[in-house]
Amino acid sequence: MAQTHEPHYHSTCCHPLSPETMLKLPPKIRERLKVERCLIAQNSFAVDDAQPNNAIRGTWAAKGQQDWAVLCIEPDQLSVRLFWGGKAKCSDTILLAQFRENDGHWDDPDTVLWPADAQKIKSYDQAFGDHNLPRLDHSGLEIGGEEATTIYYCSEGKWIHLAGND
C-alpha cells in the first residue's frame, strides 16, 4: 500500500531544508536525496548563513577527487551521505543516530559537518595524543557539535575515526 501521508521527521528545530532548495548541490544528488526522503540539517548557530550549510564538497576519499558530503535527516536516522566523484570511496553512509518510534529524546541534533584538512587532523592528534594517523593525502570530515567532534577519514576503502575537537 502506498504511503499517503508525509513522513514524520524527529527533528524540526535544526531548520532542515529540502534538497530541492540546495542549489549548490548537483541536480542528480538533489534528486537522490529527495527519493531517500532526506532533509538537510542546518547548523542552528548559522541560521542566517546566506549559503545553506551541512552540504560540502571536498576530497573525502582521494587527493584530487571531488566528492560531496551531506548531513541528512531521514524519518528514522541522522547520517552523513557521501556522493563519490571517482573510483576511490568508502561506505556512502556514516550513521550518526538511529531513531525509534516515539523516542522523543532526539529533538536537537545541533550537528555540523566541516572539512578537516591534514593540518587540522594533525593538530587535534597532537592535542589529544593518539598518534595513530594514516597517511593524510586528502581531507577528512569533522562531524559533531559544540561539545565534541569526531573526524572520519576514508583510508583504503574504510572509514577511520580520529580525535576531533573535545
C-alpha atoms as a PDB file:
ATOM      1  CA  MET A   1       0.000   0.000   0.000  1.00  0.00           C
ATOM      2  CA  ALA A   2       1.404   3.392  -0.993  1.00  0.00           C
ATOM      3  CA  GLN A   3       2.244   5.913   1.687  1.00  0.00           C
ATOM      4  CA  THR A   4      -0.438   8.633   1.735  1.00  0.00           C
ATOM      5  CA  HIS A   5       0.942  10.987   4.380  1.00  0.00           C
ATOM      6  CA  GLU A   6       4.133  12.939   4.845  1.00  0.00           C
ATOM      7  CA  PRO A   7       6.867  11.118   6.788  1.00  0.00           C
ATOM      8  CA  HIS A   8       7.448  12.165  10.396  1.00  0.00           C
ATOM      9  CA  TYR A   9      10.893  13.674  10.995  1.00  0.00           C
ATOM     10  CA  HIS A  10      12.155  13.591  14.563  1.00  0.00           C
ATOM     11  CA  SER A  11      13.918  16.915  14.402  1.00  0.00           C
ATOM     12  CA  THR A  12      12.332  20.150  13.275  1.00  0.00           C
ATOM     13  CA  CYS A  13      14.434  22.522  15.349  1.00  0.00           C
ATOM     14  CA  CYS A  14      17.585  22.410  13.218  1.00  0.00           C
ATOM     15  CA  HIS A  15      15.912  24.231  10.317  1.00  0.00           C
ATOM     16  CA  PRO A  16      16.203  21.315   7.862  1.00  0.00           C
ATOM     17  CA  LEU A  17      15.982  22.160   4.178  1.00  0.00           C
ATOM     18  CA  SER A  18      14.590  20.055   1.392  1.00  0.00           C
ATOM     19  CA  PRO A  19      17.199  19.009  -1.172  1.00  0.00           C
ATOM     20  CA  GLU A  20      15.394  20.976  -3.903  1.00  0.00           C
ATOM     21  CA  THR A  21      16.373  24.224  -2.148  1.00  0.00           C
ATOM     22  CA  MET A  22      20.075  23.311  -2.002  1.00  0.00           C
ATOM     23  CA  LEU A  23      21.012  24.698  -5.415  1.00  0.00           C
ATOM     24  CA  LYS A  24      24.742  24.352  -4.758  1.00  0.00           C
ATOM     25  CA  LEU A  25      24.267  20.551  -4.914  1.00  0.00           C
ATOM     26  CA  PRO A  26      24.356  18.943  -8.367  1.00  0.00           C
ATOM     27  CA  PRO A  27      20.853  18.053  -9.669  1.00  0.00           C
ATOM     28  CA  LYS A  28      21.497  14.276  -9.560  1.00  0.00           C
ATOM     29  CA  ILE A  29      22.418  14.481  -5.866  1.00  0.00           C
ATOM     30  CA  ARG A  30      19.369  16.628  -5.071  1.00  0.00           C
ATOM     31  CA  GLU A  31      17.117  14.095  -6.800  1.00  0.00           C
ATOM     32  CA  ARG A  32      18.708  11.140  -4.982  1.00  0.00           C
ATOM     33  CA  LEU A  33      18.262  12.858  -1.593  1.00  0.00           C
ATOM     34  CA  LYS A  34      14.632  13.635  -2.428  1.00  0.00           C
ATOM     35  CA  VAL A  35      13.978   9.969  -3.255  1.00  0.00           C
ATOM     36  CA  GLU A  36      15.610   8.953   0.047  1.00  0.00           C
ATOM     37  CA  ARG A  37      13.366  11.451   1.936  1.00  0.00           C
ATOM     38  CA  CYS A  38      16.469  13.220   3.227  1.00  0.00           C
ATOM     39  CA  LEU A  39      16.217  16.723   4.639  1.00  0.00           C
ATOM     40  CA  ILE A  40      19.490  18.591   5.044  1.00  0.00           C
ATOM     41  CA  ALA A  41      20.065  19.606   8.662  1.00  0.00           C
ATOM     42  CA  GLN A  42      21.249  23.177   9.094  1.00  0.00           C
ATOM     43  CA  ASN A  43      23.654  24.380  11.747  1.00  0.00           C
ATOM     44  CA  SER A  44      21.450  26.145  14.274  1.00  0.00           C
ATOM     45  CA  PHE A  45      24.277  28.600  15.027  1.00  0.00           C
ATOM     46  CA  ALA A  46      24.345  29.772  11.392  1.00  0.00           C
ATOM     47  CA  VAL A  47      20.639  30.012  10.556  1.00  0.00           C
ATOM     48  CA  ASP A  48      21.118  33.341   8.776  1.00  0.00           C
ATOM     49  CA  ASP A  49      24.000  31.991   6.676  1.00  0.00           C
ATOM     50  CA  ALA A  50      23.328  33.036   3.073  1.00  0.00           C
ATOM     51  CA  GLN A  51      24.787  29.754   1.804  1.00  0.00           C
ATOM     52  CA  PRO A  52      22.986  26.696   3.217  1.00  0.00           C
ATOM     53  CA  ASN A  53      25.358  24.558   5.263  1.00  0.00           C
ATOM     54  CA  ASN A  54      25.945  20.871   6.006  1.00  0.00           C
ATOM     55  CA  ALA A  55      26.323  20.050   2.314  1.00  0.00           C
ATOM     56  CA  ILE A  56      30.005  20.349   1.444  1.00  0.00           C
ATOM     57  CA  ARG A  57      32.271  19.489  -1.447  1.00  0.00           C
ATOM     58  CA  GLY A  58      35.793  18.202  -0.927  1.00  0.00           C
ATOM     59  CA  THR A  59      38.333  15.448  -1.404  1.00  0.00           C
ATOM     60  CA  TRP A  60      36.911  12.851   1.005  1.00  0.00           C
ATOM     61  CA  ALA A  61      38.441   9.675  -0.471  1.00  0.00           C
ATOM     62  CA  ALA A  62      41.467  10.567  -2.605  1.00  0.00           C
ATOM     63  CA  LYS A  63      43.633  13.536  -3.463  1.00  0.00           C
ATOM     64  CA  GLY A  64      42.195  15.370  -6.466  1.00  0.00           C
ATOM     65  CA  GLN A  65      38.819  13.565  -6.436  1.00  0.00           C
ATOM     66  CA  GLN A  66      35.881  15.912  -5.798  1.00  0.00           C
ATOM     67  CA  ASP A  67      33.155  14.355  -3.630  1.00  0.00           C
ATOM     68  CA  TRP A  68      30.087  15.636  -1.744  1.00  0.00           C
ATOM     69  CA  ALA A  69      29.054  15.081   1.883  1.00  0.00           C
ATOM     70  CA  VAL A  70      25.553  15.941   3.150  1.00  0.00           C
ATOM     71  CA  LEU A  71      24.175  15.839   6.707  1.00  0.00           C
ATOM     72  CA  CYS A  72      20.900  14.020   6.178  1.00  0.00           C
ATOM     73  CA  ILE A  73      17.859  13.741   8.443  1.00  0.00           C
ATOM     74  CA  GLU A  74      15.560  10.914   7.415  1.00  0.00           C
ATOM     75  CA  PRO A  75      12.466   9.813   9.318  1.00  0.00           C
ATOM     76  CA  ASP A  76      14.417   7.048  11.081  1.00  0.00           C
ATOM     77  CA  GLN A  77      18.025   8.278  11.224  1.00  0.00           C
ATOM     78  CA  LEU A  78      20.605  11.054  11.139  1.00  0.00           C
ATOM     79  CA  SER A  79      23.524  10.313   8.842  1.00  0.00           C
ATOM     80  CA  VAL A  80      26.126  11.769   6.542  1.00  0.00           C
ATOM     81  CA  ARG A  81      25.536  10.747   2.927  1.00  0.00           C
ATOM     82  CA  LEU A  82      28.528  10.659   0.613  1.00  0.00           C
ATOM     83  CA  PHE A  83      28.476  11.048  -3.158  1.00  0.00           C
ATOM     84  CA  TRP A  84      31.729   9.954  -4.762  1.00  0.00           C
ATOM     85  CA  GLY A  85      33.259  11.779  -7.715  1.00  0.00           C
ATOM     86  CA  GLY A  86      35.568   8.943  -8.765  1.00  0.00           C
ATOM     87  CA  LYS A  87      36.726   5.393  -8.115  1.00  0.00           C
ATOM     88  CA  ALA A  88      38.065   5.918  -4.579  1.00  0.00           C
ATOM     89  CA  LYS A  89      35.388   5.532  -1.923  1.00  0.00           C
ATOM     90  CA  CYS A  90      34.347   4.324   1.499  1.00  0.00           C
ATOM     91  CA  SER A  91      30.820   3.449   2.607  1.00  0.00           C
ATOM     92  CA  ASP A  92      28.393   6.042   1.237  1.00  0.00           C
ATOM     93  CA  THR A  93      26.626   6.454   4.613  1.00  0.00           C
ATOM     94  CA  ILE A  94      28.015   7.359   8.037  1.00  0.00           C
ATOM     95  CA  LEU A  95      25.228   6.584  10.513  1.00  0.00           C
ATOM     96  CA  LEU A  96      25.202   9.058  13.413  1.00  0.00           C
ATOM     97  CA  ALA A  97      21.900   8.234  15.167  1.00  0.00           C
ATOM     98  CA  GLN A  98      19.053   5.770  14.725  1.00  0.00           C
ATOM     99  CA  PHE A  99      15.581   6.952  15.738  1.00  0.00           C
ATOM    100  CA  ARG A 100      12.907   4.753  17.292  1.00  0.00           C
ATOM    101  CA  GLU A 101       9.188   5.383  17.150  1.00  0.00           C
ATOM    102  CA  ASN A 102       8.102   7.858  19.870  1.00  0.00           C
ATOM    103  CA  ASP A 103      11.536   8.026  21.494  1.00  0.00           C
ATOM    104  CA  GLY A 104      11.155  11.793  21.959  1.00  0.00           C
ATOM    105  CA  HIS A 105      14.745  12.362  23.070  1.00  0.00           C
ATOM    106  CA  TRP A 106      16.330  13.424  19.788  1.00  0.00           C
ATOM    107  CA  ASP A 107      14.928  16.904  19.468  1.00  0.00           C
ATOM    108  CA  ASP A 108      18.000  18.912  18.536  1.00  0.00           C
ATOM    109  CA  PRO A 109      20.889  17.264  16.730  1.00  0.00           C
ATOM    110  CA  ASP A 110      22.963  20.510  16.554  1.00  0.00           C
ATOM    111  CA  THR A 111      25.304  18.514  14.367  1.00  0.00           C
ATOM    112  CA  VAL A 112      27.649  20.282  11.985  1.00  0.00           C
ATOM    113  CA  LEU A 113      29.707  18.979   9.101  1.00  0.00           C
ATOM    114  CA  TRP A 114      33.092  20.590   8.323  1.00  0.00           C
ATOM    115  CA  PRO A 115      36.080  19.663   6.177  1.00  0.00           C
ATOM    116  CA  ALA A 116      39.198  18.652   8.116  1.00  0.00           C
ATOM    117  CA  ASP A 117      42.447  19.082   6.236  1.00  0.00           C
ATOM    118  CA  ALA A 118      45.687  17.303   7.161  1.00  0.00           C
ATOM    119  CA  GLN A 119      46.912  20.227   9.292  1.00  0.00           C
ATOM    120  CA  LYS A 120      43.715  20.260  11.376  1.00  0.00           C
ATOM    121  CA  ILE A 121      43.807  16.476  11.824  1.00  0.00           C
ATOM    122  CA  LYS A 122      47.449  16.601  12.931  1.00  0.00           C
ATOM    123  CA  SER A 123      46.790  19.438  15.398  1.00  0.00           C
ATOM    124  CA  TYR A 124      43.913  17.502  17.015  1.00  0.00           C
ATOM    125  CA  ASP A 125      46.145  14.427  17.147  1.00  0.00           C
ATOM    126  CA  GLN A 126      48.894  16.391  18.907  1.00  0.00           C
ATOM    127  CA  ALA A 127      46.395  17.879  21.379  1.00  0.00           C
ATOM    128  CA  PHE A 128      44.796  14.544  22.255  1.00  0.00           C
ATOM    129  CA  GLY A 129      47.870  12.322  21.879  1.00  0.00           C
ATOM    130  CA  ASP A 130      46.525   9.490  19.737  1.00  0.00           C
ATOM    131  CA  HIS A 131      49.394   9.358  17.179  1.00  0.00           C
ATOM    132  CA  ASN A 132      47.722   6.602  15.162  1.00  0.00           C
ATOM    133  CA  LEU A 133      47.282   8.536  11.929  1.00  0.00           C
ATOM    134  CA  PRO A 134      47.063   7.035   8.455  1.00  0.00           C
ATOM    135  CA  ARG A 135      48.812   8.725   5.530  1.00  0.00           C
ATOM    136  CA  LEU A 136      46.974  12.067   5.195  1.00  0.00           C
ATOM    137  CA  ASP A 137      46.779  12.935   1.492  1.00  0.00           C
ATOM    138  CA  HIS A 138      43.174  14.240   1.320  1.00  0.00           C
ATOM    139  CA  SER A 139      40.595  15.806   3.650  1.00  0.00           C
ATOM    140  CA  GLY A 140      38.526  14.178   6.351  1.00  0.00           C
ATOM    141  CA  LEU A 141      35.042  15.020   7.590  1.00  0.00           C
ATOM    142  CA  GLU A 142      34.712  16.622  11.021  1.00  0.00           C
ATOM    143  CA  ILE A 143      31.278  15.843  12.446  1.00  0.00           C
ATOM    144  CA  GLY A 144      29.864  16.979  15.761  1.00  0.00           C
ATOM    145  CA  GLY A 145      28.633  19.912  17.721  1.00  0.00           C
ATOM    146  CA  GLU A 146      29.502  22.372  20.430  1.00  0.00           C
ATOM    147  CA  GLU A 147      30.705  19.759  22.910  1.00  0.00           C
ATOM    148  CA  ALA A 148      32.789  17.403  20.778  1.00  0.00           C
ATOM    149  CA  THR A 149      33.576  16.302  17.235  1.00  0.00           C
ATOM    150  CA  THR A 150      34.904  13.213  15.526  1.00  0.00           C
ATOM    151  CA  ILE A 151      36.881  13.146  12.302  1.00  0.00           C
ATOM    152  CA  TYR A 152      36.045  10.460   9.762  1.00  0.00           C
ATOM    153  CA  TYR A 153      38.897   9.788   7.357  1.00  0.00           C
ATOM    154  CA  CYS A 154      38.499   7.498   4.347  1.00  0.00           C
ATOM    155  CA  SER A 155      41.588   5.292   4.114  1.00  0.00           C
ATOM    156  CA  GLU A 156      41.915   2.232   1.862  1.00  0.00           C
ATOM    157  CA  GLY A 157      38.123   1.920   1.498  1.00  0.00           C
ATOM    158  CA  LYS A 158      37.307   2.123   5.224  1.00  0.00           C
ATOM    159  CA  TRP A 159      36.262   4.985   7.484  1.00  0.00           C
ATOM    160  CA  ILE A 160      38.751   5.619  10.302  1.00  0.00           C
ATOM    161  CA  HIS A 161      37.522   7.537  13.374  1.00  0.00           C
ATOM    162  CA  LEU A 162      40.041  10.088  14.616  1.00  0.00           C
ATOM    163  CA  ALA A 163      40.067  12.512  17.534  1.00  0.00           C
ATOM    164  CA  GLY A 164      38.298  15.781  16.841  1.00  0.00           C
ATOM    165  CA  ASN A 165      37.679  18.824  18.973  1.00  0.00           C
ATOM    166  CA  ASP A 166      36.877  17.903  22.563  1.00  0.00           C
END
